[in-house]
C-alpha atoms as a PDB file:
ATOM      1  CA  MET A   1      53.950  71.830  52.114  1.00  0.00           C
ATOM      2  CA  PRO A   2      57.350  72.967  50.718  1.00  0.00           C
ATOM      3  CA  LEU A   3      60.627  71.710  52.122  1.00  0.00           C
ATOM      4  CA  SER A   4      62.028  74.044  54.752  1.00  0.00           C
ATOM      5  CA  THR A   5      65.639  75.202  54.449  1.00  0.00           C
ATOM      6  CA  THR A   6      65.295  76.585  57.978  1.00  0.00           C
ATOM      7  CA  ASN A   7      64.650  73.134  59.403  1.00  0.00           C
ATOM      8  CA  ALA A   8      67.434  71.669  57.285  1.00  0.00           C
ATOM      9  CA  ALA A   9      69.812  74.214  58.792  1.00  0.00           C
ATOM     10  CA  THR A  10      68.537  73.426  62.279  1.00  0.00           C
ATOM     11  CA  PHE A  11      69.507  69.788  61.880  1.00  0.00           C
ATOM     12  CA  GLY A  12      72.855  70.633  60.305  1.00  0.00           C
ATOM     13  CA  THR A  13      72.266  69.007  56.945  1.00  0.00           C
ATOM     14  CA  GLU A  14      70.895  69.762  53.512  1.00  0.00           C
ATOM     15  CA  VAL A  15      67.779  68.062  52.215  1.00  0.00           C
ATOM     16  CA  SER A  16      69.254  65.449  49.911  1.00  0.00           C
ATOM     17  CA  SER A  17      67.811  63.388  47.090  1.00  0.00           C
ATOM     18  CA  GLU A  18      67.926  60.448  49.512  1.00  0.00           C
ATOM     19  CA  HIS A  19      65.729  62.347  51.951  1.00  0.00           C
ATOM     20  CA  ARG A  20      63.265  63.213  49.172  1.00  0.00           C
ATOM     21  CA  GLU A  21      63.187  59.566  48.133  1.00  0.00           C
ATOM     22  CA  LEU A  22      62.578  58.615  51.759  1.00  0.00           C
ATOM     23  CA  LEU A  23      59.689  61.089  52.015  1.00  0.00           C
ATOM     24  CA  ALA A  24      58.151  59.760  48.799  1.00  0.00           C
ATOM     25  CA  GLY A  25      58.022  56.314  50.372  1.00  0.00           C
ATOM     26  CA  LEU A  26      56.489  57.567  53.621  1.00  0.00           C
ATOM     27  CA  ILE A  27      53.634  59.379  51.853  1.00  0.00           C
ATOM     28  CA  ALA A  28      53.035  56.650  49.244  1.00  0.00           C
ATOM     29  CA  THR A  29      50.144  54.189  49.301  1.00  0.00           C
ATOM     30  CA  PRO A  30      51.058  51.825  50.825  1.00  0.00           C
ATOM     31  CA  LYS A  31      53.764  53.530  52.883  1.00  0.00           C
ATOM     32  CA  ARG A  32      57.294  52.203  52.366  1.00  0.00           C
ATOM     33  CA  LEU A  33      60.648  52.459  54.103  1.00  0.00           C
ATOM     34  CA  ALA A  34      63.685  51.222  52.165  1.00  0.00           C
ATOM     35  CA  THR A  35      65.576  48.513  54.048  1.00  0.00           C
ATOM     36  CA  LYS A  36      68.824  50.506  53.975  1.00  0.00           C
ATOM     37  CA  TRP A  37      67.330  52.863  56.587  1.00  0.00           C
ATOM     38  CA  LEU A  38      67.303  50.042  59.146  1.00  0.00           C
ATOM     39  CA  TYR A  39      71.095  49.964  59.233  1.00  0.00           C
ATOM     40  CA  ASP A  40      73.137  52.034  61.609  1.00  0.00           C
ATOM     41  CA  THR A  41      75.568  50.686  64.209  1.00  0.00           C
ATOM     42  CA  CYS A  42      72.704  49.284  66.281  1.00  0.00           C
ATOM     43  CA  GLY A  43      70.842  47.971  63.234  1.00  0.00           C
ATOM     44  CA  SER A  44      73.933  46.189  61.917  1.00  0.00           C
ATOM     45  CA  ALA A  45      74.466  44.513  65.292  1.00  0.00           C
ATOM     46  CA  LEU A  46      70.827  43.424  65.425  1.00  0.00           C
ATOM     47  CA  TYR A  47      71.020  42.062  61.874  1.00  0.00           C
ATOM     48  CA  THR A  48      74.056  39.985  62.864  1.00  0.00           C
ATOM     49  CA  ALA A  49      72.133  38.706  65.899  1.00  0.00           C
ATOM     50  CA  ILE A  50      69.199  37.617  63.705  1.00  0.00           C
ATOM     51  CA  ALA A  51      71.390  34.969  62.071  1.00  0.00           C
ATOM     52  CA  GLN A  52      72.061  33.488  65.523  1.00  0.00           C
ATOM     53  CA  GLN A  53      68.379  32.888  66.293  1.00  0.00           C
ATOM     54  CA  PRO A  54      67.253  29.230  66.164  1.00  0.00           C
ATOM     55  CA  GLU A  55      64.439  30.018  63.702  1.00  0.00           C
ATOM     56  CA  TYR A  56      66.803  31.577  61.162  1.00  0.00           C
ATOM     57  CA  TYR A  57      68.208  28.879  58.897  1.00  0.00           C
ATOM     58  CA  ILE A  58      69.666  30.823  55.939  1.00  0.00           C
ATOM     59  CA  ASP A  59      73.188  31.356  57.282  1.00  0.00           C
ATOM     60  CA  GLU A  60      73.496  27.753  58.444  1.00  0.00           C
ATOM     61  CA  ALA A  61      72.192  26.367  55.150  1.00  0.00           C
ATOM     62  CA  GLU A  62      74.502  28.549  53.080  1.00  0.00           C
ATOM     63  CA  ARG A  63      77.547  27.582  55.126  1.00  0.00           C
ATOM     64  CA  GLU A  64      76.665  23.921  54.657  1.00  0.00           C
ATOM     65  CA  ILE A  65      76.502  24.319  50.879  1.00  0.00           C
ATOM     66  CA  VAL A  66      79.769  26.233  50.555  1.00  0.00           C
ATOM     67  CA  ALA A  67      81.576  23.873  52.950  1.00  0.00           C
ATOM     68  CA  GLN A  68      80.383  20.786  51.073  1.00  0.00           C
ATOM     69  CA  HIS A  69      80.650  22.062  47.503  1.00  0.00           C
ATOM     70  CA  GLY A  70      83.387  24.709  47.716  1.00  0.00           C
ATOM     71  CA  GLY A  71      85.842  22.450  45.919  1.00  0.00           C
ATOM     72  CA  ASP A  72      83.431  21.910  43.031  1.00  0.00           C
ATOM     73  CA  ILE A  73      82.710  25.649  42.835  1.00  0.00           C
ATOM     74  CA  ALA A  74      86.423  26.454  42.751  1.00  0.00           C
ATOM     75  CA  ALA A  75      87.184  23.814  40.119  1.00  0.00           C
ATOM     76  CA  ARG A  76      84.390  24.998  37.820  1.00  0.00           C
ATOM     77  CA  ALA A  77      84.862  28.768  38.161  1.00  0.00           C
ATOM     78  CA  ARG A  78      88.667  29.010  38.691  1.00  0.00           C
ATOM     79  CA  PRO A  79      88.598  32.818  39.070  1.00  0.00           C
ATOM     80  CA  ARG A  80      91.646  35.035  39.403  1.00  0.00           C
ATOM     81  CA  THR A  81      89.481  37.610  41.211  1.00  0.00           C
ATOM     82  CA  LEU A  82      86.646  37.051  43.691  1.00  0.00           C
ATOM     83  CA  VAL A  83      84.270  40.011  44.112  1.00  0.00           C
ATOM     84  CA  ASP A  84      82.186  39.566  47.273  1.00  0.00           C
ATOM     85  CA  LEU A  85      79.030  41.702  47.002  1.00  0.00           C
ATOM     86  CA  GLY A  86      77.657  42.743  50.390  1.00  0.00           C
ATOM     87  CA  ALA A  87      80.631  41.124  52.097  1.00  0.00           C
ATOM     88  CA  GLY A  88      79.956  42.218  55.675  1.00  0.00           C
ATOM     89  CA  SER A  89      82.427  40.345  57.872  1.00  0.00           C
ATOM     90  CA  ALA A  90      83.137  37.853  55.033  1.00  0.00           C
ATOM     91  CA  GLY A  91      82.355  34.942  57.361  1.00  0.00           C
ATOM     92  CA  LYS A  92      80.953  32.460  54.831  1.00  0.00           C
ATOM     93  CA  THR A  93      83.315  33.673  52.134  1.00  0.00           C
ATOM     94  CA  ARG A  94      86.318  32.317  54.041  1.00  0.00           C
ATOM     95  CA  LEU A  95      85.158  28.794  53.215  1.00  0.00           C
ATOM     96  CA  LEU A  96      85.161  29.764  49.549  1.00  0.00           C
ATOM     97  CA  LEU A  97      88.545  31.470  49.856  1.00  0.00           C
ATOM     98  CA  ASP A  98      89.961  28.245  51.291  1.00  0.00           C
ATOM     99  CA  ALA A  99      88.571  26.240  48.374  1.00  0.00           C
ATOM    100  CA  LEU A 100      89.833  28.733  45.783  1.00  0.00           C
ATOM    101  CA  SER A 101      93.251  28.853  47.428  1.00  0.00           C
ATOM    102  CA  ALA A 102      93.403  25.064  47.290  1.00  0.00           C
ATOM    103  CA  VAL A 103      93.034  25.026  43.478  1.00  0.00           C
ATOM    104  CA  GLY A 104      95.596  27.824  43.195  1.00  0.00           C
ATOM    105  CA  SER A 105      93.651  30.110  40.879  1.00  0.00           C
ATOM    106  CA  LEU A 106      92.890  33.118  43.079  1.00  0.00           C
ATOM    107  CA  ASP A 107      95.048  36.272  43.064  1.00  0.00           C
ATOM    108  CA  ARG A 108      92.669  38.964  44.311  1.00  0.00           C
ATOM    109  CA  TYR A 109      89.767  39.314  46.737  1.00  0.00           C
ATOM    110  CA  VAL A 110      87.503  42.391  46.489  1.00  0.00           C
ATOM    111  CA  PRO A 111      84.968  42.606  49.356  1.00  0.00           C
ATOM    112  CA  VAL A 112      82.270  45.189  48.593  1.00  0.00           C
ATOM    113  CA  ASP A 113      79.837  46.697  51.090  1.00  0.00           C
ATOM    114  CA  VAL A 114      77.920  49.927  51.627  1.00  0.00           C
ATOM    115  CA  SER A 115      79.487  50.273  55.079  1.00  0.00           C
ATOM    116  CA  ASP A 116      83.197  50.206  55.836  1.00  0.00           C
ATOM    117  CA  THR A 117      82.752  49.747  59.590  1.00  0.00           C
ATOM    118  CA  SER A 118      83.786  46.079  59.510  1.00  0.00           C
ATOM    119  CA  PHE A 119      86.369  46.354  56.733  1.00  0.00           C
ATOM    120  CA  ARG A 120      89.373  47.305  58.857  1.00  0.00           C
ATOM    121  CA  ASP A 121      89.292  44.320  61.200  1.00  0.00           C
ATOM    122  CA  MET A 122      88.147  41.942  58.472  1.00  0.00           C
ATOM    123  CA  THR A 123      90.905  43.031  56.075  1.00  0.00           C
ATOM    124  CA  ARG A 124      93.601  42.777  58.737  1.00  0.00           C
ATOM    125  CA  ASN A 125      92.464  39.285  59.735  1.00  0.00           C
ATOM    126  CA  LEU A 126      92.215  38.033  56.163  1.00  0.00           C
ATOM    127  CA  ARG A 127      95.653  39.373  55.246  1.00  0.00           C
ATOM    128  CA  ALA A 128      97.092  37.448  58.173  1.00  0.00           C
ATOM    129  CA  VAL A 129      95.410  34.217  57.020  1.00  0.00           C
ATOM    130  CA  TYR A 130      95.978  34.719  53.262  1.00  0.00           C
ATOM    131  CA  PRO A 131      99.271  36.664  52.997  1.00  0.00           C
ATOM    132  CA  GLU A 132      99.652  35.939  49.274  1.00  0.00           C
ATOM    133  CA  LEU A 133      96.194  37.280  48.426  1.00  0.00           C
ATOM    134  CA  ASP A 134      95.755  40.845  47.145  1.00  0.00           C
ATOM    135  CA  ILE A 135      92.812  42.113  49.227  1.00  0.00           C
ATOM    136  CA  GLN A 136      91.161  45.301  47.957  1.00  0.00           C
ATOM    137  CA  PRO A 137      88.102  46.258  50.071  1.00  0.00           C
ATOM    138  CA  ARG A 138      85.697  48.649  48.403  1.00  0.00           C
ATOM    139  CA  THR A 139      82.921  50.735  49.951  1.00  0.00           C
ATOM    140  CA  ALA A 140      80.215  50.961  47.308  1.00  0.00           C
ATOM    141  CA  ASP A 141      76.585  50.240  46.488  1.00  0.00           C
ATOM    142  CA  PHE A 142      76.870  46.735  45.053  1.00  0.00           C
ATOM    143  CA  SER A 143      73.738  47.237  42.937  1.00  0.00           C
ATOM    144  CA  SER A 144      75.627  49.785  40.799  1.00  0.00           C
ATOM    145  CA  PRO A 145      78.563  49.246  38.407  1.00  0.00           C
ATOM    146  CA  LEU A 146      81.751  48.794  40.444  1.00  0.00           C
ATOM    147  CA  GLY A 147      84.248  50.269  38.006  1.00  0.00           C
ATOM    148  CA  LEU A 148      86.410  47.172  37.878  1.00  0.00           C
ATOM    149  CA  ASP A 149      89.572  47.297  35.793  1.00  0.00           C
ATOM    150  CA  PRO A 150      88.518  45.940  32.378  1.00  0.00           C
ATOM    151  CA  GLN A 151      91.816  44.050  32.256  1.00  0.00           C
ATOM    152  CA  THR A 152      90.906  42.070  35.386  1.00  0.00           C
ATOM    153  CA  ALA A 153      90.949  38.439  34.307  1.00  0.00           C
ATOM    154  CA  SER A 154      88.485  35.709  35.222  1.00  0.00           C
ATOM    155  CA  VAL A 155      86.148  37.204  37.821  1.00  0.00           C
ATOM    156  CA  LEU A 156      83.699  35.366  40.070  1.00  0.00           C
ATOM    157  CA  PHE A 157      81.059  37.568  41.686  1.00  0.00           C
ATOM    158  CA  ALA A 158      79.559  36.156  44.902  1.00  0.00           C
ATOM    159  CA  PHE A 159      76.212  37.398  46.214  1.00  0.00           C
ATOM    160  CA  PHE A 160      75.426  35.471  49.376  1.00  0.00           C
ATOM    161  CA  GLY A 161      72.823  35.829  52.118  1.00  0.00           C
ATOM    162  CA  ALA A 162      69.596  35.713  50.054  1.00  0.00           C
ATOM    163  CA  THR A 163      69.786  39.503  49.601  1.00  0.00           C
ATOM    164  CA  TYR A 164      68.787  38.980  45.969  1.00  0.00           C
ATOM    165  CA  GLY A 165      65.298  38.142  47.231  1.00  0.00           C
ATOM    166  CA  ASN A 166      64.996  41.580  48.858  1.00  0.00           C
ATOM    167  CA  PHE A 167      64.731  43.137  45.398  1.00  0.00           C
ATOM    168  CA  ARG A 168      61.477  43.473  43.478  1.00  0.00           C
ATOM    169  CA  PRO A 169      61.334  41.918  39.964  1.00  0.00           C
ATOM    170  CA  ALA A 170      62.385  45.070  38.093  1.00  0.00           C
ATOM    171  CA  GLU A 171      65.158  45.699  40.633  1.00  0.00           C
ATOM    172  CA  ARG A 172      66.452  42.142  40.236  1.00  0.00           C
ATOM    173  CA  GLN A 173      66.453  42.578  36.478  1.00  0.00           C
ATOM    174  CA  ARG A 174      68.413  45.838  36.742  1.00  0.00           C
ATOM    175  CA  PHE A 175      70.844  44.327  39.239  1.00  0.00           C
ATOM    176  CA  LEU A 176      71.631  41.326  37.022  1.00  0.00           C
ATOM    177  CA  ALA A 177      71.875  43.542  33.931  1.00  0.00           C
ATOM    178  CA  ALA A 178      74.349  45.868  35.684  1.00  0.00           C
ATOM    179  CA  LEU A 179      76.364  42.873  36.837  1.00  0.00           C
ATOM    180  CA  ARG A 180      76.327  41.241  33.404  1.00  0.00           C
ATOM    181  CA  SER A 181      77.595  44.479  31.845  1.00  0.00           C
ATOM    182  CA  GLN A 182      80.746  44.115  33.963  1.00  0.00           C
ATOM    183  CA  MET A 183      81.308  40.470  33.068  1.00  0.00           C
ATOM    184  CA  ARG A 184      83.262  38.975  30.193  1.00  0.00           C
ATOM    185  CA  ARG A 185      83.357  35.514  28.720  1.00  0.00           C
ATOM    186  CA  GLY A 186      84.369  33.012  31.375  1.00  0.00           C
ATOM    187  CA  ASP A 187      83.264  35.163  34.330  1.00  0.00           C
ATOM    188  CA  GLY A 188      80.709  33.792  36.764  1.00  0.00           C
ATOM    189  CA  LEU A 189      78.186  34.612  39.468  1.00  0.00           C
ATOM    190  CA  LEU A 190      77.650  32.647  42.660  1.00  0.00           C
ATOM    191  CA  LEU A 191      74.118  33.500  43.802  1.00  0.00           C
ATOM    192  CA  GLY A 192      72.383  32.587  47.044  1.00  0.00           C
ATOM    193  CA  THR A 193      68.577  32.248  47.014  1.00  0.00           C
ATOM    194  CA  ASP A 194      66.121  31.124  49.660  1.00  0.00           C
ATOM    195  CA  LEU A 195      63.604  28.528  48.476  1.00  0.00           C
ATOM    196  CA  VAL A 196      59.819  28.236  48.681  1.00  0.00           C
ATOM    197  CA  LYS A 197      58.807  26.098  51.645  1.00  0.00           C
ATOM    198  CA  ASP A 198      56.051  25.797  54.236  1.00  0.00           C
ATOM    199  CA  GLU A 199      54.599  29.039  55.573  1.00  0.00           C
ATOM    200  CA  ALA A 200      55.284  28.305  59.250  1.00  0.00           C
ATOM    201  CA  THR A 201      59.023  27.875  58.699  1.00  0.00           C
ATOM    202  CA  LEU A 202      59.227  31.005  56.574  1.00  0.00           C
ATOM    203  CA  LYS A 203      57.303  33.263  58.974  1.00  0.00           C
ATOM    204  CA  ALA A 204      59.237  32.014  62.003  1.00  0.00           C
ATOM    205  CA  ALA A 205      62.540  32.902  60.340  1.00  0.00           C
ATOM    206  CA  TYR A 206      61.408  36.541  60.077  1.00  0.00           C
ATOM    207  CA  ASP A 207      59.555  36.773  63.384  1.00  0.00           C
ATOM    208  CA  ASP A 208      61.773  35.015  65.928  1.00  0.00           C
ATOM    209  CA  ARG A 209      60.458  34.404  69.415  1.00  0.00           C
ATOM    210  CA  ALA A 210      63.215  36.472  71.027  1.00  0.00           C
ATOM    211  CA  GLY A 211      62.018  39.533  69.093  1.00  0.00           C
ATOM    212  CA  VAL A 212      65.404  40.322  67.546  1.00  0.00           C
ATOM    213  CA  THR A 213      63.965  40.822  64.048  1.00  0.00           C
ATOM    214  CA  ALA A 214      61.219  43.039  65.460  1.00  0.00           C
ATOM    215  CA  ALA A 215      63.856  45.174  67.197  1.00  0.00           C
ATOM    216  CA  PHE A 216      65.835  45.380  63.951  1.00  0.00           C
ATOM    217  CA  VAL A 217      62.808  46.576  61.992  1.00  0.00           C
ATOM    218  CA  ARG A 218      61.774  49.101  64.657  1.00  0.00           C
ATOM    219  CA  ASN A 219      65.336  50.425  64.650  1.00  0.00           C
ATOM    220  CA  GLY A 220      64.451  52.021  61.322  1.00  0.00           C
ATOM    221  CA  LEU A 221      62.154  54.392  63.224  1.00  0.00           C
ATOM    222  CA  THR A 222      65.025  55.345  65.515  1.00  0.00           C
ATOM    223  CA  VAL A 223      67.142  56.093  62.445  1.00  0.00           C
ATOM    224  CA  LEU A 224      64.357  58.293  61.018  1.00  0.00           C
ATOM    225  CA  ASN A 225      64.025  60.160  64.301  1.00  0.00           C
ATOM    226  CA  ARG A 226      67.721  60.959  64.177  1.00  0.00           C
ATOM    227  CA  GLU A 227      67.997  61.639  60.433  1.00  0.00           C
ATOM    228  CA  LEU A 228      64.807  63.621  59.946  1.00  0.00           C
ATOM    229  CA  GLY A 229      64.096  65.017  63.395  1.00  0.00           C
ATOM    230  CA  ALA A 230      61.013  62.788  63.386  1.00  0.00           C
ATOM    231  CA  ASN A 231      58.960  61.852  66.441  1.00  0.00           C
ATOM    232  CA  PHE A 232      58.133  58.203  65.787  1.00  0.00           C
ATOM    233  CA  ARG A 233      57.294  56.332  69.003  1.00  0.00           C
ATOM    234  CA  LEU A 234      58.371  52.708  68.733  1.00  0.00           C
ATOM    235  CA  ARG A 235      55.523  51.580  71.003  1.00  0.00           C
ATOM    236  CA  ASP A 236      53.015  52.872  68.441  1.00  0.00           C
ATOM    237  CA  PHE A 237      53.956  50.099  65.980  1.00  0.00           C
ATOM    238  CA  ASP A 238      53.801  46.294  65.969  1.00  0.00           C
ATOM    239  CA  HIS A 239      56.126  44.166  63.873  1.00  0.00           C
ATOM    240  CA  ASP A 240      53.988  42.478  61.209  1.00  0.00           C
ATOM    241  CA  VAL A 241      55.181  39.556  59.056  1.00  0.00           C
ATOM    242  CA  THR A 242      53.009  37.983  56.362  1.00  0.00           C
ATOM    243  CA  TRP A 243      53.529  35.353  53.664  1.00  0.00           C
ATOM    244  CA  ASN A 244      52.231  36.293  50.210  1.00  0.00           C
ATOM    245  CA  PRO A 245      51.761  32.967  48.355  1.00  0.00           C
ATOM    246  CA  TYR A 246      50.826  34.689  45.088  1.00  0.00           C
ATOM    247  CA  LEU A 247      54.135  36.542  44.875  1.00  0.00           C
ATOM    248  CA  SER A 248      56.121  33.882  46.804  1.00  0.00           C
ATOM    249  CA  ARG A 249      57.483  36.360  49.280  1.00  0.00           C
ATOM    250  CA  ILE A 250      57.646  37.305  52.939  1.00  0.00           C
ATOM    251  CA  GLU A 251      56.440  40.862  53.533  1.00  0.00           C
ATOM    252  CA  ASN A 252      57.944  42.656  56.521  1.00  0.00           C
ATOM    253  CA  ALA A 253      56.136  45.672  57.926  1.00  0.00           C
ATOM    254  CA  LEU A 254      55.321  47.790  60.947  1.00  0.00           C
ATOM    255  CA  ARG A 255      51.609  48.127  61.713  1.00  0.00           C
ATOM    256  CA  ALA A 256      50.287  51.241  63.492  1.00  0.00           C
ATOM    257  CA  ARG A 257      48.587  50.404  66.788  1.00  0.00           C
ATOM    258  CA  ARG A 258      46.583  53.632  66.796  1.00  0.00           C
ATOM    259  CA  SER A 259      45.687  56.560  64.605  1.00  0.00           C
ATOM    260  CA  HIS A 260      48.355  59.257  64.966  1.00  0.00           C
ATOM    261  CA  THR A 261      50.527  61.722  63.042  1.00  0.00           C
ATOM    262  CA  VAL A 262      54.307  61.775  62.843  1.00  0.00           C
ATOM    263  CA  THR A 263      56.172  65.001  62.112  1.00  0.00           C
ATOM    264  CA  LEU A 264      59.400  65.095  60.081  1.00  0.00           C
ATOM    265  CA  ALA A 265      61.043  68.304  61.243  1.00  0.00           C
ATOM    266  CA  LEU A 266      63.850  68.317  58.667  1.00  0.00           C
ATOM    267  CA  LEU A 267      61.388  67.981  55.794  1.00  0.00           C
ATOM    268  CA  ASP A 268      58.703  70.197  57.342  1.00  0.00           C
ATOM    269  CA  ARG A 269      56.081  67.515  56.766  1.00  0.00           C
ATOM    270  CA  ALA A 270      53.502  65.603  58.777  1.00  0.00           C
ATOM    271  CA  VAL A 271      52.684  61.978  57.966  1.00  0.00           C
ATOM    272  CA  PRO A 272      49.389  60.545  59.264  1.00  0.00           C
ATOM    273  CA  PHE A 273      48.957  56.871  60.173  1.00  0.00           C
ATOM    274  CA  ALA A 274      45.560  55.214  60.478  1.00  0.00           C
ATOM    275  CA  THR A 275      44.968  52.443  62.997  1.00  0.00           C
ATOM    276  CA  GLY A 276      46.233  49.207  61.451  1.00  0.00           C
ATOM    277  CA  GLU A 277      48.035  50.957  58.591  1.00  0.00           C
ATOM    278  CA  ARG A 278      51.242  49.232  57.513  1.00  0.00           C
ATOM    279  CA  LEU A 279      54.646  50.756  56.878  1.00  0.00           C
ATOM    280  CA  HIS A 280      56.339  48.253  54.545  1.00  0.00           C
ATOM    281  CA  VAL A 281      60.025  47.802  55.311  1.00  0.00           C
ATOM    282  CA  GLY A 282      61.063  45.007  53.015  1.00  0.00           C
ATOM    283  CA  ILE A 283      60.311  41.823  51.166  1.00  0.00           C
ATOM    284  CA  SER A 284      62.092  38.497  50.898  1.00  0.00           C
ATOM    285  CA  VAL A 285      61.216  36.582  47.754  1.00  0.00           C
ATOM    286  CA  LYS A 286      61.494  32.791  47.798  1.00  0.00           C
ATOM    287  CA  PHE A 287      62.458  30.960  44.629  1.00  0.00           C
ATOM    288  CA  ARG A 288      62.227  27.701  42.730  1.00  0.00           C
ATOM    289  CA  GLN A 289      64.998  26.543  40.428  1.00  0.00           C
ATOM    290  CA  LYS A 290      63.005  27.431  37.314  1.00  0.00           C
ATOM    291  CA  ASP A 291      62.595  31.014  38.594  1.00  0.00           C
ATOM    292  CA  VAL A 292      66.331  31.483  39.105  1.00  0.00           C
ATOM    293  CA  ARG A 293      67.178  29.911  35.747  1.00  0.00           C
ATOM    294  CA  SER A 294      64.709  32.193  33.956  1.00  0.00           C
ATOM    295  CA  GLU A 295      65.917  35.407  35.611  1.00  0.00           C
ATOM    296  CA  LEU A 296      69.551  34.562  34.928  1.00  0.00           C
ATOM    297  CA  ALA A 297      68.767  33.775  31.284  1.00  0.00           C
ATOM    298  CA  GLN A 298      67.049  37.146  30.831  1.00  0.00           C
ATOM    299  CA  ALA A 299      70.333  38.785  31.842  1.00  0.00           C
ATOM    300  CA  GLY A 300      72.419  36.657  29.498  1.00  0.00           C
ATOM    301  CA  LEU A 301      73.666  34.250  32.164  1.00  0.00           C
ATOM    302  CA  ARG A 302      73.516  30.458  32.045  1.00  0.00           C
ATOM    303  CA  LEU A 303      72.744  28.392  35.135  1.00  0.00           C
ATOM    304  CA  ASP A 304      75.696  26.020  35.311  1.00  0.00           C
ATOM    305  CA  ARG A 305      75.213  24.304  38.682  1.00  0.00           C
ATOM    306  CA  TRP A 306      72.603  24.326  41.472  1.00  0.00           C
ATOM    307  CA  TRP A 307      73.350  23.145  44.995  1.00  0.00           C
ATOM    308  CA  THR A 308      71.000  22.943  47.988  1.00  0.00           C
ATOM    309  CA  ASP A 309      71.532  22.184  51.654  1.00  0.00           C
ATOM    310  CA  SER A 310      70.571  18.742  52.965  1.00  0.00           C
ATOM    311  CA  ALA A 311      67.079  19.942  53.917  1.00  0.00           C
ATOM    312  CA  SER A 312      66.494  21.675  50.538  1.00  0.00           C
ATOM    313  CA  ARG A 313      65.768  24.957  52.267  1.00  0.00           C
ATOM    314  CA  TYR A 314      68.262  27.114  50.390  1.00  0.00           C
ATOM    315  CA  ALA A 315      70.209  27.104  47.133  1.00  0.00           C
ATOM    316  CA  VAL A 316      73.515  28.413  45.792  1.00  0.00           C
ATOM    317  CA  SER A 317      73.707  28.722  41.994  1.00  0.00           C
ATOM    318  CA  LEU A 318      76.752  29.049  39.789  1.00  0.00           C
ATOM    319  CA  ALA A 319      75.900  31.041  36.686  1.00  0.00           C
ATOM    320  CA  MET A 320      78.308  31.674  33.821  1.00  0.00           C
ATOM    321  CA  THR A 321      78.306  34.158  30.977  1.00  0.00           C
ATOM    322  CA  ALA A 322      76.254  32.702  28.139  1.00  0.00           C
END
């Protein structure tokens, strides 16, 4: 059925390429919803709350690594500019900023995120703590070239939070290639990756008992209802988390409780769901050191150092231009 300009006008927006991409995922086999559609004000708050659940270890493990090895990171990288990809509230990064300030190399901090909702308070607070630091927040898609000044000297890119594992292999390759194209000799990348471990620990981290992750995933349906004039009913879907040992990844999905059809008024389309059919909303790949080393090498980056938390659940890698 063709897209309806009448319905687009009704909802006060034009049908964008993003909407067409969204529709392509919803009618694909299997059905897919890009993770970015889970984030609105409510989704961002729920995502922050996930890190506070007892089953979720990634934030704690990453903080431990940066707190313990920040001095070593700073001494090895010695950047003049720190580019923080997906900065959010820059919570963990403050530990790194302290370490970099201690060695006296850092002049500029560039937090990058797709949303600027937290930038104002975060920037004001950081400027009060680091008055000598030039802080230049940037709202951008961190998976695309950032347009950095080519004269910017000695840059360290930081990509925390295990977000790298949310990309599929080809997407990871493109991300690293785009990043490498912006790097010069002596620049580095600080990369956070979650590690392969027992299935029970992994599944619990993405399916907490309090149901916060389930609420976060279902929030994507609320976003679609608002964005597309859809009529998803949250009670028609169960949160479904599985571990795929062959691809070393957690697969996050919503599973239809019953056979039903959802209408997307803006796009003038109807999307049927069979009982038990899954709407995939994201993956989280888990790595071994050899995997990270290989993917970095393919992009022309050399694994310089590898640190893990005390329980070997999570790793932070320092990679340098080869």
